[in-house]
Protein backbone atom coordinates (compact mmCIF):
# COMPACT_ATOMS: atom_id res chain seq x y z
CA UNK A 1 0.00 0.00 0.00
CA UNK A 2 1.37 3.39 -0.95
CA UNK A 3 1.74 5.58 2.15
CA UNK A 4 3.04 8.69 0.47
CA UNK A 5 3.69 10.34 -2.86
CA UNK A 6 7.04 11.81 -3.70
CA UNK A 7 5.78 15.13 -2.42
CA UNK A 8 4.34 13.54 0.72
CA UNK A 9 0.75 14.62 -0.08
CA UNK A 10 -0.80 11.18 0.26
CA UNK A 11 0.87 10.61 3.60
CA UNK A 12 -0.39 13.98 4.85
CA UNK A 13 -3.90 13.11 3.67
CA UNK A 14 -3.73 9.79 5.50
CA UNK A 15 -2.63 11.55 8.68
CA UNK A 16 -5.50 14.00 8.49
CA UNK A 17 -7.96 11.17 7.83
CA UNK A 18 -6.76 9.30 10.93
CA UNK A 19 -7.05 12.50 12.95
CA UNK A 20 -10.61 13.03 11.66
CA UNK A 21 -11.60 9.52 12.80
CA UNK A 22 -10.02 10.12 16.20
CA UNK A 23 -11.99 13.35 16.62
CA UNK A 24 -15.19 11.55 15.67
CA UNK A 25 -14.43 8.68 18.06
CA UNK A 26 -13.87 11.18 20.87
CA UNK A 27 -17.16 12.93 20.16
CA UNK A 28 -19.03 9.62 19.93
CA UNK A 29 -17.59 8.59 23.30
CA UNK A 30 -18.61 11.89 24.89
CA UNK A 31 -22.11 11.88 23.39
CA UNK A 32 -22.53 8.20 24.17
CA UNK A 33 -21.55 8.61 27.81
CA UNK A 34 -23.90 11.55 28.21
CA UNK A 35 -26.78 9.67 26.56
CA UNK A 36 -26.14 6.63 28.76
CA UNK A 37 -25.95 8.55 32.03
CA UNK A 38 -28.74 11.04 31.41
CA UNK A 39 -31.85 10.29 33.53
CA UNK A 40 -29.68 8.12 35.76
CA UNK A 41 -31.07 7.36 39.22
CA UNK A 42 -29.21 4.73 41.24
CA UNK A 43 -32.11 4.51 43.70
CA UNK A 44 -34.31 2.93 41.02
CA UNK A 45 -34.11 -0.84 40.56
CA UNK A 46 -33.48 -0.29 36.84
CA UNK A 47 -31.02 2.56 37.51
CA UNK A 48 -32.39 4.89 34.85
CA UNK A 49 -35.76 6.24 33.75
CA UNK A 50 -34.99 7.53 30.25
CA UNK A 51 -37.20 4.82 28.77
CA UNK A 52 -40.16 6.22 30.69
CA UNK A 53 -39.88 9.69 29.23
CA UNK A 54 -42.52 10.53 26.66
CA UNK A 55 -39.85 10.97 23.98
CA UNK A 56 -38.92 7.30 23.73
CA UNK A 57 -41.62 5.78 25.92
CA UNK A 58 -44.43 7.03 23.70
CA UNK A 59 -42.75 5.61 20.60
CA UNK A 60 -42.16 2.27 22.30
CA UNK A 61 -45.80 2.09 23.37
CA UNK A 62 -46.89 2.69 19.79
CA UNK A 63 -44.92 -0.27 18.50
CA UNK A 64 -45.93 -2.46 21.43
CA UNK A 65 -49.64 -1.85 20.94
CA UNK A 66 -49.29 -2.84 17.30
CA UNK A 67 -47.43 -6.05 18.17
CA UNK A 68 -50.03 -7.02 20.74
CA UNK A 69 -52.85 -6.71 18.24
CA UNK A 70 -54.15 -3.28 19.21
CA UNK A 71 -53.49 -1.60 15.87
CA UNK A 72 -56.94 -0.03 15.83
CA UNK A 73 -56.50 1.32 19.36
CA UNK A 74 -53.25 3.23 18.97
CA UNK A 75 -54.90 6.35 20.38
CA UNK A 76 -57.00 4.81 23.18
CA UNK A 77 -55.78 5.98 26.59
CA UNK A 78 -56.93 2.94 28.56
CA UNK A 79 -55.17 0.58 26.18
CA UNK A 80 -51.91 2.53 26.53
CA UNK A 81 -52.18 2.40 30.31
CA UNK A 82 -52.89 -1.33 30.27
CA UNK A 83 -49.87 -2.13 28.10
CA UNK A 84 -47.62 0.28 30.02
CA UNK A 85 -48.43 -1.51 33.29
CA UNK A 86 -47.76 -4.85 31.65
CA UNK A 87 -44.37 -3.77 30.27
CA UNK A 88 -43.29 -2.36 33.62
CA UNK A 89 -44.14 -5.49 35.57
CA UNK A 90 -41.43 -6.29 38.09
CA UNK A 91 -40.19 -2.71 38.39
CA UNK A 92 -40.94 -0.97 41.69
CA UNK A 93 -40.18 2.74 41.78
CA UNK A 94 -38.71 3.84 45.12
CA UNK A 95 -40.00 6.70 47.21
CA UNK A 96 -36.63 8.45 47.01
CA UNK A 97 -34.11 9.35 44.37
CA UNK A 98 -33.91 11.69 41.38
CA UNK A 99 -36.86 10.17 39.52
CA UNK A 100 -39.03 10.24 42.61
CA UNK A 101 -38.17 13.87 43.30
CA UNK A 102 -38.82 14.97 39.72
CA UNK A 103 -42.03 12.96 39.53
CA UNK A 104 -43.20 14.49 42.79
CA UNK A 105 -42.56 17.99 41.43
CA UNK A 106 -44.45 17.11 38.25
CA UNK A 107 -47.40 15.72 40.16
CA UNK A 108 -47.44 18.84 42.33
CA UNK A 109 -47.73 20.96 39.20
CA UNK A 110 -44.28 22.51 39.52
CA UNK A 111 -43.03 21.46 36.06
CA UNK A 112 -46.16 21.00 33.99
CA UNK A 113 -49.03 22.38 36.05
CA UNK A 114 -52.38 20.70 35.59
CA UNK A 115 -51.06 17.69 33.69
CA UNK A 116 -51.03 15.20 36.56
CA UNK A 117 -53.58 16.17 39.21
CA UNK A 118 -55.19 12.75 39.44
CA UNK A 119 -51.87 10.97 40.12
CA UNK A 120 -50.71 12.96 43.13
CA UNK A 121 -51.95 10.33 45.56
CA UNK A 122 -50.73 7.32 43.55
CA UNK A 123 -47.87 5.61 45.46
CA UNK A 124 -44.49 5.16 43.83
CA UNK A 125 -44.97 1.85 42.09
CA UNK A 126 -45.42 0.21 38.72
CA UNK A 127 -48.70 2.07 38.42
CA UNK A 128 -47.02 5.42 39.13
CA UNK A 129 -44.53 4.86 36.31
CA UNK A 130 -47.24 3.78 33.86
CA UNK A 131 -49.65 6.57 34.75
CA UNK A 132 -46.88 9.15 34.55
CA UNK A 133 -45.92 8.02 31.04
CA UNK A 134 -49.47 7.97 29.68
CA UNK A 135 -50.29 11.32 31.26
CA UNK A 136 -47.48 12.91 29.29
CA UNK A 137 -49.66 12.54 26.20
CA UNK A 138 -50.91 15.98 25.10
CA UNK A 139 -54.56 15.42 25.95
CA UNK A 140 -56.61 15.83 29.09
CA UNK A 141 -56.74 12.80 31.41
CA UNK A 142 -60.51 12.90 30.91
CA UNK A 143 -60.14 12.28 27.17
CA UNK A 144 -60.64 8.73 25.91
CA UNK A 145 -58.54 9.46 22.84
CA UNK A 146 -54.85 9.95 23.68
CA UNK A 147 -51.45 9.03 22.40
CA UNK A 148 -48.18 10.34 20.95
CA UNK A 149 -48.28 12.85 18.13
CA UNK A 150 -46.96 10.38 15.57
CA UNK A 151 -49.19 8.99 12.81
CA UNK A 152 -50.10 5.28 12.71
CA UNK A 153 -47.22 4.62 10.28
CA UNK A 154 -44.80 5.18 13.13
CA UNK A 155 -46.17 2.14 14.98
CA UNK A 156 -44.82 0.00 12.15
CA UNK A 157 -41.44 1.77 12.35
CA UNK A 158 -41.24 1.07 16.08
CA UNK A 159 -42.56 -2.51 15.98
CA UNK A 160 -39.11 -4.15 15.64
CA UNK A 161 -37.63 -2.26 18.58
CA UNK A 162 -40.83 -2.74 20.61
CA UNK A 163 -40.42 -6.50 20.19
CA UNK A 164 -37.77 -6.18 22.89
CA UNK A 165 -39.81 -6.93 26.01
CA UNK A 166 -37.73 -4.78 28.36
CA UNK A 167 -38.40 -1.11 27.46
CA UNK A 168 -35.13 0.04 29.01
CA UNK A 169 -33.12 -2.38 26.87
CA UNK A 170 -35.10 -1.20 23.85
CA UNK A 171 -34.24 2.39 24.81
CA UNK A 172 -30.51 1.60 24.80
CA UNK A 173 -30.73 -0.21 21.46
CA UNK A 174 -32.67 2.70 19.98
CA UNK A 175 -30.03 5.20 21.11
CA UNK A 176 -27.42 3.10 19.33
CA UNK A 177 -29.53 2.92 16.19
CA UNK A 178 -29.95 6.69 16.13
CA UNK A 179 -26.20 7.11 16.42
CA UNK A 180 -25.81 4.70 13.50
CA UNK A 181 -28.29 6.81 11.52
CA UNK A 182 -25.97 9.79 11.86
CA UNK A 183 -23.09 7.72 10.50
CA UNK A 184 -25.28 6.78 7.52
CA UNK A 185 -26.23 10.44 7.08
CA UNK A 186 -22.54 11.35 7.13
CA UNK A 187 -21.93 8.87 4.32
CA UNK A 188 -24.71 10.54 2.36
CA UNK A 189 -22.98 13.90 2.80
CA UNK A 190 -19.75 12.36 1.54
CA UNK A 191 -21.52 11.15 -1.60
CA UNK A 192 -23.43 14.39 -2.28
CA UNK A 193 -20.23 16.43 -1.86
CA UNK A 194 -18.31 14.09 -4.18
CA UNK A 195 -15.86 13.26 -1.41
CA UNK A 196 -15.06 16.86 -0.50
CA UNK A 197 -16.45 16.16 2.97
CA UNK A 198 -14.78 13.05 4.33
CA UNK A 199 -17.09 10.56 6.01
CA UNK A 200 -15.75 11.09 9.56
CA UNK A 201 -15.76 14.89 9.17
CA UNK A 202 -19.33 14.93 7.82
CA UNK A 203 -20.51 12.64 10.61
CA UNK A 204 -18.79 14.82 13.20
CA UNK A 205 -20.51 17.89 11.78
CA UNK A 206 -23.93 16.23 12.05
CA UNK A 207 -23.30 14.76 15.51
CA UNK A 208 -22.12 18.13 16.85
CA UNK A 209 -25.02 20.08 15.30
CA UNK A 210 -27.71 21.48 17.62
CA UNK A 211 -30.39 18.94 18.46
CA UNK A 212 -28.25 15.82 17.99
CA UNK A 213 -27.18 15.80 21.65
CA UNK A 214 -30.74 16.09 22.95
CA UNK A 215 -32.05 13.62 20.38
CA UNK A 216 -29.69 10.90 21.57
CA UNK A 217 -30.33 11.63 25.24
CA UNK A 218 -34.09 11.45 24.87
CA UNK A 219 -34.25 8.58 22.39
CA UNK A 220 -35.89 10.81 19.80
CA UNK A 221 -35.92 9.91 16.08
CA UNK A 222 -34.65 13.09 14.43
CA UNK A 223 -31.43 11.32 13.40
CA UNK A 224 -33.52 9.00 11.23
CA UNK A 225 -35.01 12.03 9.49
CA UNK A 226 -31.52 13.42 8.85
CA UNK A 227 -30.43 10.06 7.44
CA UNK A 228 -33.33 9.83 5.01
CA UNK A 229 -32.81 13.40 3.81
CA UNK A 230 -29.08 12.94 3.37
CA UNK A 231 -29.23 9.58 1.59
CA UNK A 232 -32.10 10.74 -0.59
CA UNK A 233 -30.23 13.86 -1.69
CA UNK A 234 -27.09 11.79 -2.29
CA UNK A 235 -29.10 9.65 -4.68
CA UNK A 236 -30.37 12.78 -6.41
CA UNK A 237 -26.81 13.99 -6.97
CA UNK A 238 -26.14 10.58 -8.57
CA UNK A 239 -28.98 11.21 -11.03
CA UNK A 240 -31.41 8.82 -9.34
CA UNK A 241 -34.38 11.17 -8.76
CA UNK A 242 -37.04 8.45 -8.53
CA UNK A 243 -35.11 6.40 -6.01
CA UNK A 244 -34.30 9.61 -4.13
CA UNK A 245 -38.01 10.43 -4.00
CA UNK A 246 -38.82 6.98 -2.65
CA UNK A 247 -36.30 7.48 0.16
CA UNK A 248 -37.75 10.88 1.01
CA UNK A 249 -41.23 9.36 0.85
CA UNK A 250 -40.30 7.28 3.90
CA UNK A 251 -40.60 10.55 5.83
CA UNK A 252 -44.32 9.76 5.97
CA UNK A 253 -43.65 8.61 9.53
CA UNK A 254 -42.98 12.30 10.34
CA UNK A 255 -45.69 14.13 8.31
CA UNK A 256 -44.65 17.68 9.26
CA UNK A 257 -41.19 17.09 7.80
CA UNK A 258 -42.56 15.21 4.82
CA UNK A 259 -44.78 18.16 3.92
CA UNK A 260 -42.00 20.69 4.49
CA UNK A 261 -39.46 19.01 2.24
CA UNK A 262 -42.16 18.15 -0.28
CA UNK A 263 -42.59 21.92 -0.55
CA UNK A 264 -38.81 22.34 -0.88
CA UNK A 265 -38.88 20.06 -3.92
CA UNK A 266 -41.56 22.28 -5.45
CA UNK A 267 -39.25 25.30 -5.03
CA UNK A 268 -36.44 23.30 -6.64
CA UNK A 269 -38.65 21.98 -9.47
CA UNK A 270 -37.57 18.41 -8.82
CA UNK A 271 -40.71 16.99 -10.36
CA UNK A 272 -39.71 13.33 -10.72
CA UNK A 273 -38.39 13.19 -7.19
CA UNK A 274 -41.52 15.00 -6.03
CA UNK A 275 -43.83 12.50 -7.72
CA UNK A 276 -41.93 9.52 -6.33
CA UNK A 277 -41.98 11.01 -2.83
CA UNK A 278 -45.73 11.68 -2.97
CA UNK A 279 -46.53 8.22 -4.36
CA UNK A 280 -44.43 6.54 -1.67
CA UNK A 281 -46.14 8.47 1.09
CA UNK A 282 -49.62 7.65 -0.19
CA UNK A 283 -48.67 3.98 -0.59
CA UNK A 284 -47.45 3.77 3.00
CA UNK A 285 -50.63 5.38 4.34
CA UNK A 286 -52.88 3.03 2.35
CA UNK A 287 -50.78 0.04 3.38
CA UNK A 288 -51.55 0.69 7.06
CA UNK A 289 -55.32 0.75 6.63
CA UNK A 290 -55.96 -3.02 6.77
CA UNK A 291 -54.21 -3.12 10.16
CA UNK A 292 -55.16 0.17 11.83
CA UNK A 293 -58.27 1.25 9.94
CA UNK A 294 -59.48 4.68 8.89
CA UNK A 295 -60.76 5.60 12.36
CA UNK A 296 -57.25 5.36 13.76
CA UNK A 297 -56.06 8.03 11.33
CA UNK A 298 -58.99 10.23 12.35
CA UNK A 299 -57.99 9.80 15.98
CA UNK A 300 -54.46 10.89 15.10
CA UNK A 301 -55.82 14.11 13.62
CA UNK A 302 -57.90 14.66 16.78
CA UNK A 303 -54.83 14.22 19.00
CA UNK A 304 -52.91 16.63 16.79
CA UNK A 305 -55.66 19.24 17.14
CA UNK A 306 -55.67 18.94 20.93
CA UNK A 307 -51.88 19.20 21.02
CA UNK A 308 -51.96 22.32 18.83
CA UNK A 309 -54.32 23.99 21.29
CA UNK A 310 -51.98 23.19 24.19
CA UNK A 311 -48.99 24.36 22.20
CA UNK A 312 -50.52 27.82 21.81
CA UNK A 313 -50.42 28.53 25.53
CA UNK A 314 -48.12 26.04 27.29
CA UNK A 315 -44.98 27.84 28.42
CA UNK A 316 -42.73 24.79 28.41
CA UNK A 317 -43.65 23.76 24.87
CA UNK A 318 -43.34 27.30 23.57
CA UNK A 319 -39.89 27.82 25.10
CA UNK A 320 -38.59 24.46 23.89
CA UNK A 321 -39.95 24.95 20.38
CA UNK A 322 -37.86 26.10 17.43
CA UNK A 323 -40.52 26.90 14.83
CA UNK A 324 -41.18 30.48 13.78
CA UNK A 325 -44.67 30.37 15.31
CA UNK A 326 -43.23 30.05 18.80
CA UNK A 327 -40.93 33.08 18.51
CA UNK A 328 -43.57 35.80 19.01
CA UNK A 329 -45.35 33.73 21.66
CA UNK A 330 -42.32 33.55 23.95
CA UNK A 331 -41.97 37.35 23.88
CA UNK A 332 -45.55 38.61 23.71
CA UNK A 333 -47.55 36.21 25.87
CA UNK A 334 -47.80 36.61 29.64
CA UNK A 335 -47.63 33.33 31.53
CA UNK A 336 -49.27 32.62 34.86
CA UNK A 337 -48.03 30.53 37.74
CA UNK A 338 -49.73 27.47 36.26
CA UNK A 339 -47.36 27.53 33.29
CA UNK A 340 -49.96 28.62 30.75
CA UNK A 341 -50.54 31.93 29.01
CA UNK A 342 -53.06 34.13 30.80
CA UNK A 343 -54.72 34.75 27.47
CA UNK A 344 -53.93 33.67 23.91
CA UNK A 345 -53.75 36.93 21.94
CA UNK A 346 -54.81 36.52 18.27
CA UNK A 347 -52.22 39.09 17.18
CA UNK A 348 -49.45 36.73 18.29
CA UNK A 349 -50.70 34.04 15.92
CA UNK A 350 -50.84 36.54 13.06
CA UNK A 351 -47.23 37.59 13.69
CA UNK A 352 -46.14 33.95 13.54
CA UNK A 353 -48.00 33.41 10.28
CA UNK A 354 -46.53 36.66 9.00
CA UNK A 355 -42.99 35.37 9.53
CA UNK A 356 -43.95 32.09 7.91
CA UNK A 357 -45.55 33.86 4.94
CA UNK A 358 -42.52 36.13 4.45
CA UNK A 359 -40.15 33.15 4.24
CA UNK A 360 -42.41 31.26 1.83
CA UNK A 361 -43.13 34.25 -0.41
CA UNK A 362 -39.50 35.37 -0.69
CA UNK A 363 -38.39 31.82 -1.39
CA UNK A 364 -41.12 31.42 -4.01
CA UNK A 365 -40.09 34.65 -5.75
CA UNK A 366 -36.41 33.73 -5.83
CA UNK A 367 -37.23 30.21 -7.06
CA UNK A 368 -39.36 31.76 -9.82
CA UNK A 369 -36.74 34.25 -10.99
CA UNK A 370 -33.70 32.00 -10.52
CA UNK A 371 -33.74 28.41 -11.71
CA UNK A 372 -32.60 26.75 -8.49
CA UNK A 373 -33.04 23.27 -9.95
CA UNK A 374 -29.87 23.69 -12.04
CA UNK A 375 -27.74 23.10 -8.92
CA UNK A 376 -27.76 20.42 -6.25
CA UNK A 377 -25.47 22.11 -3.74
CA UNK A 378 -24.60 25.61 -2.59
CA UNK A 379 -26.88 28.51 -1.69
CA UNK A 380 -29.40 27.77 -4.47
CA UNK A 381 -30.90 24.55 -3.11
CA UNK A 382 -30.05 25.65 0.43
CA UNK A 383 -32.62 28.46 0.12
CA UNK A 384 -35.40 25.93 -0.46
CA UNK A 385 -34.17 23.53 2.22
CA UNK A 386 -33.78 26.25 4.85
CA UNK A 387 -37.21 27.58 3.92
CA UNK A 388 -38.70 24.09 4.26
CA UNK A 389 -37.33 23.80 7.79
CA UNK A 390 -38.44 27.32 8.77
CA UNK A 391 -41.92 26.73 7.34
CA UNK A 392 -42.44 23.53 9.33
CA UNK A 393 -45.46 23.67 11.61
CA UNK A 394 -44.55 23.11 15.25
CA UNK A 395 -41.41 21.25 16.28
CA UNK A 396 -39.05 21.07 19.26
CA UNK A 397 -35.40 21.88 19.91
CA UNK A 398 -34.12 18.36 19.22
CA UNK A 399 -35.46 18.62 15.64
CA UNK A 400 -32.98 21.40 14.96
CA UNK A 401 -30.57 18.68 13.84
CA UNK A 402 -32.78 18.15 10.77
CA UNK A 403 -31.59 21.44 9.29
CA UNK A 404 -28.01 20.25 9.71
CA UNK A 405 -28.60 18.41 6.43
CA UNK A 406 -29.38 21.71 4.69
CA UNK A 407 -26.19 23.24 6.13
CA UNK A 408 -24.16 20.41 4.60
CA UNK A 409 -25.86 20.95 1.21
CA UNK A 410 -24.93 24.64 1.44
CA UNK A 411 -21.30 23.79 2.28
CA UNK A 412 -21.00 20.79 -0.03
CA UNK A 413 -18.10 22.54 -1.75
CA UNK A 414 -16.28 23.96 1.27
CA UNK A 415 -13.41 25.45 -0.72
CA UNK A 416 -15.71 28.14 -2.04
CA UNK A 417 -16.44 29.32 1.49
CA UNK A 418 -13.07 28.89 3.16
CA UNK A 419 -10.76 30.63 0.72
CA UNK A 420 -9.48 34.04 1.78
CA UNK A 421 -10.84 36.83 -0.42
CA UNK A 422 -11.71 39.43 2.19
CA UNK A 423 -11.77 39.54 5.97
CA UNK A 424 -12.28 37.19 7.62
CA UNK A 425 -13.03 34.58 4.97
CA UNK A 426 -14.94 34.37 1.73
CA UNK A 427 -18.41 34.04 3.23
CA UNK A 428 -20.44 35.16 6.22
CA UNK A 429 -22.21 31.81 5.98
CA UNK A 430 -19.22 30.17 7.66
CA UNK A 431 -19.43 32.70 10.51
CA UNK A 432 -23.10 31.86 11.09
CA UNK A 433 -22.46 28.11 10.94
CA UNK A 434 -19.44 28.46 13.21
CA UNK A 435 -21.43 30.34 15.83
CA UNK A 436 -24.12 27.64 15.64
CA UNK A 437 -21.56 25.03 16.66
CA UNK A 438 -20.02 27.33 19.25
CA UNK A 439 -23.38 27.91 20.89
CA UNK A 440 -24.34 24.22 20.95
CA UNK A 441 -21.05 22.74 22.08
CA UNK A 442 -19.57 25.41 24.34
CA UNK A 443 -22.20 27.91 25.49
CA UNK A 444 -25.27 25.71 25.98
CA UNK A 445 -23.47 23.09 28.15
CA UNK A 446 -22.42 25.94 30.44
CA UNK A 447 -25.95 27.46 30.52
CA UNK A 448 -24.47 30.93 30.19
CA UNK A 449 -26.92 33.68 31.18
CA UNK A 450 -26.57 37.34 30.35
CA UNK A 451 -28.59 40.54 30.59
CA UNK A 452 -28.55 43.75 28.64
CA UNK A 453 -29.59 47.09 30.18
CA UNK A 454 -30.54 49.94 27.92
CA UNK A 455 -32.33 53.29 28.02
CA UNK A 456 -32.68 55.80 30.82
CA UNK A 457 -35.30 53.65 32.48
CA UNK A 458 -32.76 50.85 32.75
CA UNK A 459 -34.86 48.36 30.83
CA UNK A 460 -33.42 44.89 30.91
CA UNK A 461 -33.40 42.08 28.37
CA UNK A 462 -32.38 38.72 29.80
CA UNK A 463 -31.28 35.77 27.70
CA UNK A 464 -29.18 32.67 28.01
CA UNK A 465 -27.51 29.99 25.97
CA UNK A 466 -29.63 26.93 26.75
CA UNK A 467 -32.34 24.73 25.27
CA UNK A 468 -35.02 27.31 26.07
CA UNK A 469 -33.71 30.01 23.71
CA UNK A 470 -34.01 29.72 19.90
CA UNK A 471 -30.56 30.95 18.89
CA UNK A 472 -30.32 28.11 16.40
CA UNK A 473 -33.52 29.26 14.67
CA UNK A 474 -32.18 32.80 14.44
CA UNK A 475 -28.96 31.52 12.88
CA UNK A 476 -30.91 29.45 10.32
CA UNK A 477 -32.87 32.59 9.39
CA UNK A 478 -29.55 34.39 8.87
CA UNK A 479 -28.24 31.53 6.71
CA UNK A 480 -31.45 31.58 4.67
CA UNK A 481 -31.22 35.37 4.24
CA UNK A 482 -27.55 35.11 3.24
CA UNK A 483 -28.40 32.43 0.66
CA UNK A 484 -31.19 34.58 -0.77
CA UNK A 485 -28.89 37.60 -1.06
CA UNK A 486 -26.12 35.54 -2.63
CA UNK A 487 -28.36 33.95 -5.23
CA UNK A 488 -30.11 37.19 -6.06
CA UNK A 489 -27.13 39.54 -6.33
CA UNK A 490 -24.25 37.23 -7.15
CA UNK A 491 -25.90 34.56 -9.26
CA UNK A 492 -23.29 34.52 -12.04
CA UNK A 493 -20.34 34.83 -9.65
CA UNK A 494 -21.51 32.00 -7.45
CA UNK A 495 -22.86 29.60 -10.06
CA UNK A 496 -20.89 30.26 -13.20
């Protein structure tokens, strides 16, 4: 095997590749340790309660109900509670420890006021764990219809992992699978960039992007979304639009993202990919009907409507959200001691829709005047992909990692952005991306808080770098605006 050229370039490349893998291995170890230890409570018999959080627990319940023959009852509260008690058999929750303390605060209304009033007198036991999980569902305990916000398709996605009888073991396996999804997504970036982004570097970029840390900790599925987007776009760059559309059509298990990136394909005029994506989604929906029935899909819509109503006023959801609709709500609504807005002002909703409409209209105009479909990387397609993410209706902070795919499409040819042409480098896009990583990996872990005083009256604006502040959304808006400006004013320079 040749280790170096006469000029030593191959040897230097090999050294850098080894270093890139070492950096990735270090990050994987750090993220893996954090994901393993998060929600740890030595006082519990199982040592950890991450599997009983709504993020993974709700998904596991979906798959378990399907496996146990309750496909038509995926949104029936009593059935969820019955299966949850069955799966937790043999686990007794102690009356002390981190889980017990947090559960007690939840039941007392300190975290999510009003969600758990009927469980305050339930002793710490199997039943307490089960009731706590089911009562996380975004519906009133009095409602018969309840369940996670996922569509029935997701029950089929989770069925294999739910076949593991121990939910905590399933939780650990799922965390590993989501980490593997990011490796697969990194490979997709390598392909779409024609090798300009090495596999370990691309994977490191995705694993370090905002949302990836929280997604692994919670057992969320955003990494799977990133994988499908990345591999699908890699196939498109290889001139396989139909196959790419089929891959993107698998996003039917996350309808909000499927609709958003379906719209991005319209902006990009990728008609064959668009048709394949739509046909795949419809096929998957129809394929579930013999098992779950039409009524189950209607129940999903009902749960979504109830959740949307809660989202409008619930302080925790609003502050953890990253969609543009939540931005005016966090600043303009007044929240009471119960954690809900005192009143839901209609003007706030109009401001949110105004931001949404501005992004969609500007993107539509640029896509009309500039043929974005001629390019599969750079600011052209990035405009549509950023707009798709910004136009998504209601999502949380861990789903920020989805837009990491769009960042990699923007930077697919990094040389264009990193060469020195003027201070500090050729593009402000790199500054925005760099600050995104700085915020996620250095500022947020430290929970840095700061205040700004201004005016004679000494008015104060308080902010912090943590999961409750949408700095990542602001930076995506800046990247979208930069892409729009670049395409509009420097079309020939950038794309010649």
